[in-house]
Amino acid sequence: MKNCKELCEQLSDYLDGSIGERECRLIEEHLGKCPPCALMYESLRITVSMCEKGVSDEMPQDVRSRLKDFLRKHCKGD
């Protein structure tokens, strides 16, 4: 994993289990070293889990704000 942008591009596939072992390992290594990406991953993982369970509670405002800030900083199309 070269950077946060690459992680953003592969995160949904990682959560779906639709990428190879090597890519999974690279993502996990990146998540272990990058707190903002780890936060984004955890937020997305929880959101997916809630959707699968049919939970309709909203994401807490502080989590939503932090996720939006992260996405603005790290996932801009270069």
Protein backbone atom coordinates (compact mmCIF):
# COMPACT_ATOMS: atom_id res chain seq x y z
CA MET A 1 0.00 0.00 0.00
CA LYS A 2 1.70 3.15 -1.15
CA ASN A 3 -0.61 5.75 0.32
CA CYS A 4 -3.96 6.56 1.90
CA LYS A 5 -5.61 7.19 -1.47
CA GLU A 6 -4.87 3.63 -2.55
CA LEU A 7 -6.36 2.36 0.69
CA CYS A 8 -9.53 4.38 0.07
CA GLU A 9 -9.83 2.86 -3.39
CA GLN A 10 -9.59 -0.72 -2.06
CA LEU A 11 -11.34 -0.49 1.29
CA SER A 12 -14.80 -1.58 0.10
CA ASP A 13 -13.31 -4.59 -1.68
CA TYR A 14 -11.35 -5.42 1.47
CA LEU A 15 -14.51 -5.34 3.59
CA ASP A 16 -16.32 -7.50 1.02
CA GLY A 17 -13.47 -10.01 1.02
CA SER A 18 -13.08 -9.68 -2.73
CA ILE A 19 -9.33 -9.01 -2.90
CA GLY A 20 -6.35 -11.31 -2.66
CA GLU A 21 -4.29 -12.23 0.38
CA ARG A 22 -1.38 -9.98 -0.60
CA GLU A 23 -3.63 -6.94 -0.93
CA CYS A 24 -5.30 -7.77 2.39
CA ARG A 25 -1.93 -7.96 4.11
CA LEU A 26 -0.86 -4.61 2.64
CA ILE A 27 -4.09 -2.97 3.75
CA GLU A 28 -3.77 -4.42 7.25
CA GLU A 29 -0.19 -3.18 7.49
CA HIS A 30 -1.27 0.30 6.42
CA LEU A 31 -4.16 0.33 8.89
CA GLY A 32 -1.73 -0.61 11.66
CA LYS A 33 0.47 2.39 10.88
CA CYS A 34 -2.08 5.05 9.91
CA PRO A 35 -4.58 6.11 12.61
CA PRO A 36 -6.75 8.22 10.25
CA CYS A 37 -7.18 5.29 7.86
CA ALA A 38 -7.84 2.95 10.78
CA LEU A 39 -10.59 5.31 11.95
CA MET A 40 -12.10 5.45 8.48
CA TYR A 41 -11.96 1.65 8.19
CA GLU A 42 -13.63 1.18 11.57
CA SER A 43 -16.36 3.69 10.71
CA LEU A 44 -17.01 2.00 7.37
CA ARG A 45 -16.97 -1.46 8.96
CA ILE A 46 -19.55 -0.39 11.55
CA THR A 47 -21.70 1.26 8.89
CA VAL A 48 -21.69 -1.88 6.75
CA SER A 49 -22.53 -4.00 9.77
CA MET A 50 -25.41 -1.72 10.72
CA CYS A 51 -26.78 -1.84 7.17
CA GLU A 52 -26.59 -5.62 7.12
CA LYS A 53 -28.52 -5.78 10.39
CA GLY A 54 -31.05 -3.19 9.31
CA VAL A 55 -30.15 -0.79 12.10
CA SER A 56 -31.42 2.67 11.30
CA ASP A 57 -29.61 4.71 13.95
CA GLU A 58 -27.58 7.57 12.55
CA MET A 59 -23.83 7.76 12.76
CA PRO A 60 -22.82 9.93 15.72
CA GLN A 61 -22.10 13.51 14.67
CA ASP A 62 -18.49 13.46 15.92
CA VAL A 63 -17.76 10.29 13.93
CA ARG A 64 -19.42 11.74 10.84
CA SER A 65 -17.38 14.95 11.12
CA ARG A 66 -14.09 13.10 11.60
CA LEU A 67 -14.82 10.82 8.65
CA LYS A 68 -15.70 13.74 6.38
CA ASP A 69 -12.54 15.59 7.43
CA PHE A 70 -10.42 12.53 6.74
CA LEU A 71 -11.97 11.94 3.32
CA ARG A 72 -11.45 15.57 2.34
CA LYS A 73 -7.76 15.43 3.34
CA HIS A 74 -6.77 11.99 2.11
CA CYS A 75 -9.02 10.89 -0.72
CA LYS A 76 -8.88 13.78 -3.18
CA GLY A 77 -8.54 12.75 -6.80
CA ASP A 78 -5.02 13.70 -7.80
